[in-house]
């Protein structure tokens, strides 16, 4: 896989994850992993990290096309 499609794919995945964190914070959606209820507070950190990585990958993909 060349660099531009990789950046577009990873950027899209990170932005979807950021959107899921935002929806979880907005609606209080609970997540259960192996019987353990994941608290809401990790989404406060996950949202800006995932959004930042997604935007960074998207901007790098745009520069690849220039």
PDB file of N, CA and C in Angstrom:
ATOM      1  N   UNK A   1       0.858  -1.174   0.000  1.00  0.00           N
ATOM      2  CA  UNK A   1       0.000   0.000   0.000  1.00  0.00           C
ATOM      3  C   UNK A   1       0.900   1.233   0.000  1.00  0.00           C
ATOM      4  N   UNK A   2       0.587   2.160  -0.886  1.00  0.00           N
ATOM      5  CA  UNK A   2       1.391   3.383  -0.933  1.00  0.00           C
ATOM      6  C   UNK A   2       1.008   4.315   0.213  1.00  0.00           C
ATOM      7  N   UNK A   3       1.727   5.387   0.334  1.00  0.00           N
ATOM      8  CA  UNK A   3       1.599   6.248   1.507  1.00  0.00           C
ATOM      9  C   UNK A   3       0.258   7.002   1.575  1.00  0.00           C
ATOM     10  N   UNK A   4      -0.205   7.574   0.468  1.00  0.00           N
ATOM     11  CA  UNK A   4      -1.419   8.385   0.504  1.00  0.00           C
ATOM     12  C   UNK A   4      -2.656   7.567   0.907  1.00  0.00           C
ATOM     13  N   UNK A   5      -2.923   6.401   0.292  1.00  0.00           N
ATOM     14  CA  UNK A   5      -4.082   5.616   0.742  1.00  0.00           C
ATOM     15  C   UNK A   5      -3.983   5.196   2.205  1.00  0.00           C
ATOM     16  N   UNK A   6      -2.764   4.878   2.647  1.00  0.00           N
ATOM     17  CA  UNK A   6      -2.567   4.512   4.053  1.00  0.00           C
ATOM     18  C   UNK A   6      -2.951   5.677   4.968  1.00  0.00           C
ATOM     19  N   UNK A   7      -2.492   6.878   4.630  1.00  0.00           N
ATOM     20  CA  UNK A   7      -2.808   8.049   5.450  1.00  0.00           C
ATOM     21  C   UNK A   7      -4.296   8.344   5.444  1.00  0.00           C
ATOM     22  N   UNK A   8      -4.935   8.214   4.284  1.00  0.00           N
ATOM     23  CA  UNK A   8      -6.382   8.450   4.215  1.00  0.00           C
ATOM     24  C   UNK A   8      -7.145   7.421   5.041  1.00  0.00           C
ATOM     25  N   UNK A   9      -6.751   6.163   4.947  1.00  0.00           N
ATOM     26  CA  UNK A   9      -7.428   5.118   5.703  1.00  0.00           C
ATOM     27  C   UNK A   9      -7.236   5.289   7.202  1.00  0.00           C
ATOM     28  N   UNK A  10      -6.003   5.507   7.629  1.00  0.00           N
ATOM     29  CA  UNK A  10      -5.756   5.658   9.068  1.00  0.00           C
ATOM     30  C   UNK A  10      -6.399   6.936   9.598  1.00  0.00           C
ATOM     31  N   UNK A  11      -6.370   8.016   8.820  1.00  0.00           N
ATOM     32  CA  UNK A  11      -7.028   9.246   9.242  1.00  0.00           C
ATOM     33  C   UNK A  11      -8.522   9.061   9.407  1.00  0.00           C
ATOM     34  N   UNK A  12      -9.135   8.333   8.480  1.00  0.00           N
ATOM     35  CA  UNK A  12     -10.574   8.072   8.565  1.00  0.00           C
ATOM     36  C   UNK A  12     -10.904   7.235   9.792  1.00  0.00           C
ATOM     37  N   UNK A  13     -10.107   6.216  10.052  1.00  0.00           N
ATOM     38  CA  UNK A  13     -10.350   5.355  11.219  1.00  0.00           C
ATOM     39  C   UNK A  13     -10.225   6.164  12.509  1.00  0.00           C
ATOM     40  N   UNK A  14      -9.180   6.989  12.613  1.00  0.00           N
ATOM     41  CA  UNK A  14      -9.014   7.794  13.826  1.00  0.00           C
ATOM     42  C   UNK A  14     -10.155   8.797  13.992  1.00  0.00           C
ATOM     43  N   UNK A  15     -10.639   9.384  12.902  1.00  0.00           N
ATOM     44  CA  UNK A  15     -11.741  10.336  13.015  1.00  0.00           C
ATOM     45  C   UNK A  15     -13.047   9.638  13.403  1.00  0.00           C
ATOM     46  N   UNK A  16     -13.252   8.411  12.946  1.00  0.00           N
ATOM     47  CA  UNK A  16     -14.429   7.642  13.368  1.00  0.00           C
ATOM     48  C   UNK A  16     -14.338   7.318  14.857  1.00  0.00           C
ATOM     49  N   UNK A  17     -13.152   6.948  15.315  1.00  0.00           N
ATOM     50  CA  UNK A  17     -12.965   6.670  16.751  1.00  0.00           C
ATOM     51  C   UNK A  17     -13.217   7.933  17.569  1.00  0.00           C
ATOM     52  N   UNK A  18     -12.745   9.081  17.079  1.00  0.00           N
ATOM     53  CA  UNK A  18     -12.994  10.347  17.779  1.00  0.00           C
ATOM     54  C   UNK A  18     -14.490  10.636  17.845  1.00  0.00           C
ATOM     55  N   UNK A  19     -15.195  10.377  16.745  1.00  0.00           N
ATOM     56  CA  UNK A  19     -16.644  10.580  16.737  1.00  0.00           C
ATOM     57  C   UNK A  19     -17.333   9.667  17.742  1.00  0.00           C
ATOM     58  N   UNK A  20     -16.879   8.432  17.846  1.00  0.00           N
ATOM     59  CA  UNK A  20     -17.453   7.504  18.830  1.00  0.00           C
ATOM     60  C   UNK A  20     -17.199   7.981  20.264  1.00  0.00           C
ATOM     61  N   UNK A  21     -16.008   8.505  20.524  1.00  0.00           N
ATOM     62  CA  UNK A  21     -15.729   9.068  21.849  1.00  0.00           C
ATOM     63  C   UNK A  21     -16.657  10.255  22.134  1.00  0.00           C
ATOM     64  N   UNK A  22     -16.861  11.109  21.129  1.00  0.00           N
ATOM     65  CA  UNK A  22     -17.745  12.257  21.303  1.00  0.00           C
ATOM     66  C   UNK A  22     -19.175  11.818  21.584  1.00  0.00           C
ATOM     67  N   UNK A  23     -19.661  10.834  20.838  1.00  0.00           N
ATOM     68  CA  UNK A  23     -21.019  10.323  21.071  1.00  0.00           C
ATOM     69  C   UNK A  23     -21.132   9.688  22.449  1.00  0.00           C
ATOM     70  N   UNK A  24     -20.093   8.991  22.871  1.00  0.00           N
ATOM     71  CA  UNK A  24     -20.115   8.377  24.199  1.00  0.00           C
ATOM     72  C   UNK A  24     -20.195   9.436  25.296  1.00  0.00           C
ATOM     73  N   UNK A  25     -19.440  10.520  25.125  1.00  0.00           N
ATOM     74  CA  UNK A  25     -19.486  11.598  26.112  1.00  0.00           C
ATOM     75  C   UNK A  25     -20.823  12.326  26.089  1.00  0.00           C
ATOM     76  N   UNK A  26     -21.368  12.553  24.906  1.00  0.00           N
ATOM     77  CA  UNK A  26     -22.614  13.308  24.785  1.00  0.00           C
ATOM     78  C   UNK A  26     -23.820  12.532  25.306  1.00  0.00           C
ATOM     79  N   UNK A  27     -23.844  11.220  25.044  1.00  0.00           N
ATOM     80  CA  UNK A  27     -25.023  10.429  25.393  1.00  0.00           C
ATOM     81  C   UNK A  27     -24.804   9.470  26.556  1.00  0.00           C
ATOM     82  N   UNK A  28     -23.608   9.435  27.110  1.00  0.00           N
ATOM     83  CA  UNK A  28     -23.345   8.568  28.260  1.00  0.00           C
ATOM     84  C   UNK A  28     -23.441   7.090  27.935  1.00  0.00           C
ATOM     85  N   UNK A  29     -23.035   6.712  26.744  1.00  0.00           N
ATOM     86  CA  UNK A  29     -23.106   5.320  26.311  1.00  0.00           C
ATOM     87  C   UNK A  29     -22.117   4.489  27.133  1.00  0.00           C
ATOM     88  N   UNK A  30     -22.603   3.379  27.668  1.00  0.00           N
ATOM     89  CA  UNK A  30     -21.710   2.530  28.458  1.00  0.00           C
ATOM     90  C   UNK A  30     -21.070   1.479  27.554  1.00  0.00           C
ATOM     91  N   UNK A  31     -19.832   1.144  27.891  1.00  0.00           N
ATOM     92  CA  UNK A  31     -19.064   0.147  27.147  1.00  0.00           C
ATOM     93  C   UNK A  31     -18.650  -0.936  28.125  1.00  0.00           C
ATOM     94  N   UNK A  32     -18.888  -2.189  27.746  1.00  0.00           N
ATOM     95  CA  UNK A  32     -18.530  -3.317  28.596  1.00  0.00           C
ATOM     96  C   UNK A  32     -17.537  -4.185  27.833  1.00  0.00           C
ATOM     97  N   UNK A  33     -16.377  -4.428  28.446  1.00  0.00           N
ATOM     98  CA  UNK A  33     -15.343  -5.261  27.840  1.00  0.00           C
ATOM     99  C   UNK A  33     -15.060  -6.420  28.784  1.00  0.00           C
ATOM    100  N   UNK A  34     -15.417  -7.611  28.373  1.00  0.00           N
ATOM    101  CA  UNK A  34     -15.155  -8.793  29.188  1.00  0.00           C
ATOM    102  C   UNK A  34     -15.822  -8.732  30.551  1.00  0.00           C
ATOM    103  N   UNK A  35     -17.004  -8.161  30.628  1.00  0.00           N
ATOM    104  CA  UNK A  35     -17.720  -8.054  31.892  1.00  0.00           C
ATOM    105  C   UNK A  35     -17.336  -6.832  32.716  1.00  0.00           C
ATOM    106  N   UNK A  36     -16.362  -6.068  32.275  1.00  0.00           N
ATOM    107  CA  UNK A  36     -15.900  -4.875  32.986  1.00  0.00           C
ATOM    108  C   UNK A  36     -16.500  -3.647  32.323  1.00  0.00           C
ATOM    109  N   UNK A  37     -17.152  -2.808  33.099  1.00  0.00           N
ATOM    110  CA  UNK A  37     -17.735  -1.579  32.576  1.00  0.00           C
ATOM    111  C   UNK A  37     -16.647  -0.510  32.518  1.00  0.00           C
ATOM    112  N   UNK A  38     -16.377  -0.028  31.310  1.00  0.00           N
ATOM    113  CA  UNK A  38     -15.340   0.985  31.111  1.00  0.00           C
ATOM    114  C   UNK A  38     -15.895   2.339  31.549  1.00  0.00           C
ATOM    115  N   UNK A  39     -15.204   3.057  32.436  1.00  0.00           N
ATOM    116  CA  UNK A  39     -15.690   4.363  32.870  1.00  0.00           C
ATOM    117  C   UNK A  39     -15.679   5.380  31.722  1.00  0.00           C
ATOM    118  N   UNK A  40     -16.395   6.477  31.920  1.00  0.00           N
ATOM    119  CA  UNK A  40     -16.503   7.518  30.893  1.00  0.00           C
ATOM    120  C   UNK A  40     -15.212   8.316  30.772  1.00  0.00           C
ATOM    121  N   UNK A  41     -14.470   8.509  31.841  1.00  0.00           N
ATOM    122  CA  UNK A  41     -13.339   9.437  31.826  1.00  0.00           C
ATOM    123  C   UNK A  41     -12.271   9.137  30.778  1.00  0.00           C
ATOM    124  N   UNK A  42     -12.013   7.886  30.354  1.00  0.00           N
ATOM    125  CA  UNK A  42     -11.002   7.700  29.303  1.00  0.00           C
ATOM    126  C   UNK A  42     -11.372   8.373  27.968  1.00  0.00           C
ATOM    127  N   UNK A  43     -12.659   8.588  27.739  1.00  0.00           N
ATOM    128  CA  UNK A  43     -13.079   9.249  26.502  1.00  0.00           C
ATOM    129  C   UNK A  43     -12.686  10.720  26.484  1.00  0.00           C
ATOM    130  N   UNK A  44     -12.502  11.321  27.657  1.00  0.00           N
ATOM    131  CA  UNK A  44     -12.037  12.706  27.699  1.00  0.00           C
ATOM    132  C   UNK A  44     -10.606  12.820  27.158  1.00  0.00           C
ATOM    133  N   UNK A  45      -9.827  11.759  27.300  1.00  0.00           N
ATOM    134  CA  UNK A  45      -8.477  11.741  26.762  1.00  0.00           C
ATOM    135  C   UNK A  45      -8.462  11.178  25.338  1.00  0.00           C
ATOM    136  N   UNK A  46      -9.300  10.191  25.090  1.00  0.00           N
ATOM    137  CA  UNK A  46      -9.331   9.547  23.777  1.00  0.00           C
ATOM    138  C   UNK A  46      -9.831  10.450  22.670  1.00  0.00           C
ATOM    139  N   UNK A  47     -10.772  11.329  22.985  1.00  0.00           N
ATOM    140  CA  UNK A  47     -11.335  12.217  21.966  1.00  0.00           C
ATOM    141  C   UNK A  47     -10.285  13.136  21.348  1.00  0.00           C
ATOM    142  N   UNK A  48      -9.555  13.934  22.129  1.00  0.00           N
ATOM    143  CA  UNK A  48      -8.568  14.814  21.480  1.00  0.00           C
ATOM    144  C   UNK A  48      -7.400  14.062  20.846  1.00  0.00           C
ATOM    145  N   UNK A  49      -7.014  12.926  21.431  1.00  0.00           N
ATOM    146  CA  UNK A  49      -5.909  12.157  20.853  1.00  0.00           C
ATOM    147  C   UNK A  49      -6.311  11.589  19.498  1.00  0.00           C
ATOM    148  N   UNK A  50      -7.473  10.933  19.435  1.00  0.00           N
ATOM    149  CA  UNK A  50      -7.933  10.346  18.176  1.00  0.00           C
ATOM    150  C   UNK A  50      -8.211  11.421  17.129  1.00  0.00           C
ATOM    151  N   UNK A  51      -8.826  12.535  17.546  1.00  0.00           N
ATOM    152  CA  UNK A  51      -9.100  13.616  16.600  1.00  0.00           C
ATOM    153  C   UNK A  51      -7.801  14.219  16.072  1.00  0.00           C
ATOM    154  N   UNK A  52      -6.839  14.414  16.950  1.00  0.00           N
ATOM    155  CA  UNK A  52      -5.556  14.970  16.532  1.00  0.00           C
ATOM    156  C   UNK A  52      -4.831  14.066  15.546  1.00  0.00           C
ATOM    157  N   UNK A  53      -4.811  12.775  15.826  1.00  0.00           N
ATOM    158  CA  UNK A  53      -4.154  11.833  14.918  1.00  0.00           C
ATOM    159  C   UNK A  53      -4.884  11.764  13.575  1.00  0.00           C
ATOM    160  N   UNK A  54      -6.205  11.806  13.617  1.00  0.00           N
ATOM    161  CA  UNK A  54      -6.979  11.771  12.380  1.00  0.00           C
ATOM    162  C   UNK A  54      -6.756  13.000  11.526  1.00  0.00           C
ATOM    163  N   UNK A  55      -6.738  14.159  12.156  1.00  0.00           N
ATOM    164  CA  UNK A  55      -6.500  15.398  11.411  1.00  0.00           C
ATOM    165  C   UNK A  55      -5.070  15.474  10.891  1.00  0.00           C
ATOM    166  N   UNK A  56      -4.139  14.997  11.679  1.00  0.00           N
ATOM    167  CA  UNK A  56      -2.739  14.987  11.260  1.00  0.00           C
ATOM    168  C   UNK A  56      -2.551  14.088  10.028  1.00  0.00           C
ATOM    169  N   UNK A  57      -3.124  12.883  10.076  1.00  0.00           N
ATOM    170  CA  UNK A  57      -3.008  11.966   8.939  1.00  0.00           C
ATOM    171  C   UNK A  57      -3.692  12.547   7.709  1.00  0.00           C
ATOM    172  N   UNK A  58      -4.834  13.194   7.899  1.00  0.00           N
ATOM    173  CA  UNK A  58      -5.539  13.795   6.766  1.00  0.00           C
ATOM    174  C   UNK A  58      -4.731  14.925   6.142  1.00  0.00           C
ATOM    175  N   UNK A  59      -4.092  15.742   6.975  1.00  0.00           N
ATOM    176  CA  UNK A  59      -3.293  16.839   6.422  1.00  0.00           C
ATOM    177  C   UNK A  59      -2.054  16.302   5.693  1.00  0.00           C
ATOM    178  N   UNK A  60      -1.456  15.231   6.208  1.00  0.00           N
ATOM    179  CA  UNK A  60      -0.322  14.631   5.516  1.00  0.00           C
ATOM    180  C   UNK A  60      -0.746  14.021   4.178  1.00  0.00           C
ATOM    181  N   UNK A  61      -1.942  13.432   4.140  1.00  0.00           N
ATOM    182  CA  UNK A  61      -2.445  12.859   2.893  1.00  0.00           C
ATOM    183  C   UNK A  61      -2.683  13.963   1.859  1.00  0.00           C
ATOM    184  N   UNK A  62      -3.176  15.117   2.303  1.00  0.00           N
ATOM    185  CA  UNK A  62      -3.384  16.236   1.379  1.00  0.00           C
ATOM    186  C   UNK A  62      -2.049  16.726   0.814  1.00  0.00           C
ATOM    187  N   UNK A  63      -1.015  16.756   1.646  1.00  0.00           N
ATOM    188  CA  UNK A  63       0.301  17.187   1.181  1.00  0.00           C
ATOM    189  C   UNK A  63       0.907  16.183   0.198  1.00  0.00           C
ATOM    190  N   UNK A  64       0.567  14.907   0.352  1.00  0.00           N
ATOM    191  CA  UNK A  64       1.063  13.870  -0.573  1.00  0.00           C
ATOM    192  C   UNK A  64       0.514  14.104  -1.975  1.00  0.00           C
ATOM    193  N   UNK A  65      -0.713  14.615  -2.062  1.00  0.00           N
ATOM    194  CA  UNK A  65      -1.333  14.819  -3.367  1.00  0.00           C
ATOM    195  C   UNK A  65      -0.864  16.077  -4.057  1.00  0.00           C
ATOM    196  N   UNK A  66      -0.214  16.975  -3.339  1.00  0.00           N
ATOM    197  CA  UNK A  66       0.198  18.269  -3.919  1.00  0.00           C
ATOM    198  C   UNK A  66       1.378  18.162  -4.834  1.00  0.00           C
TER     199      UNK A  66
END
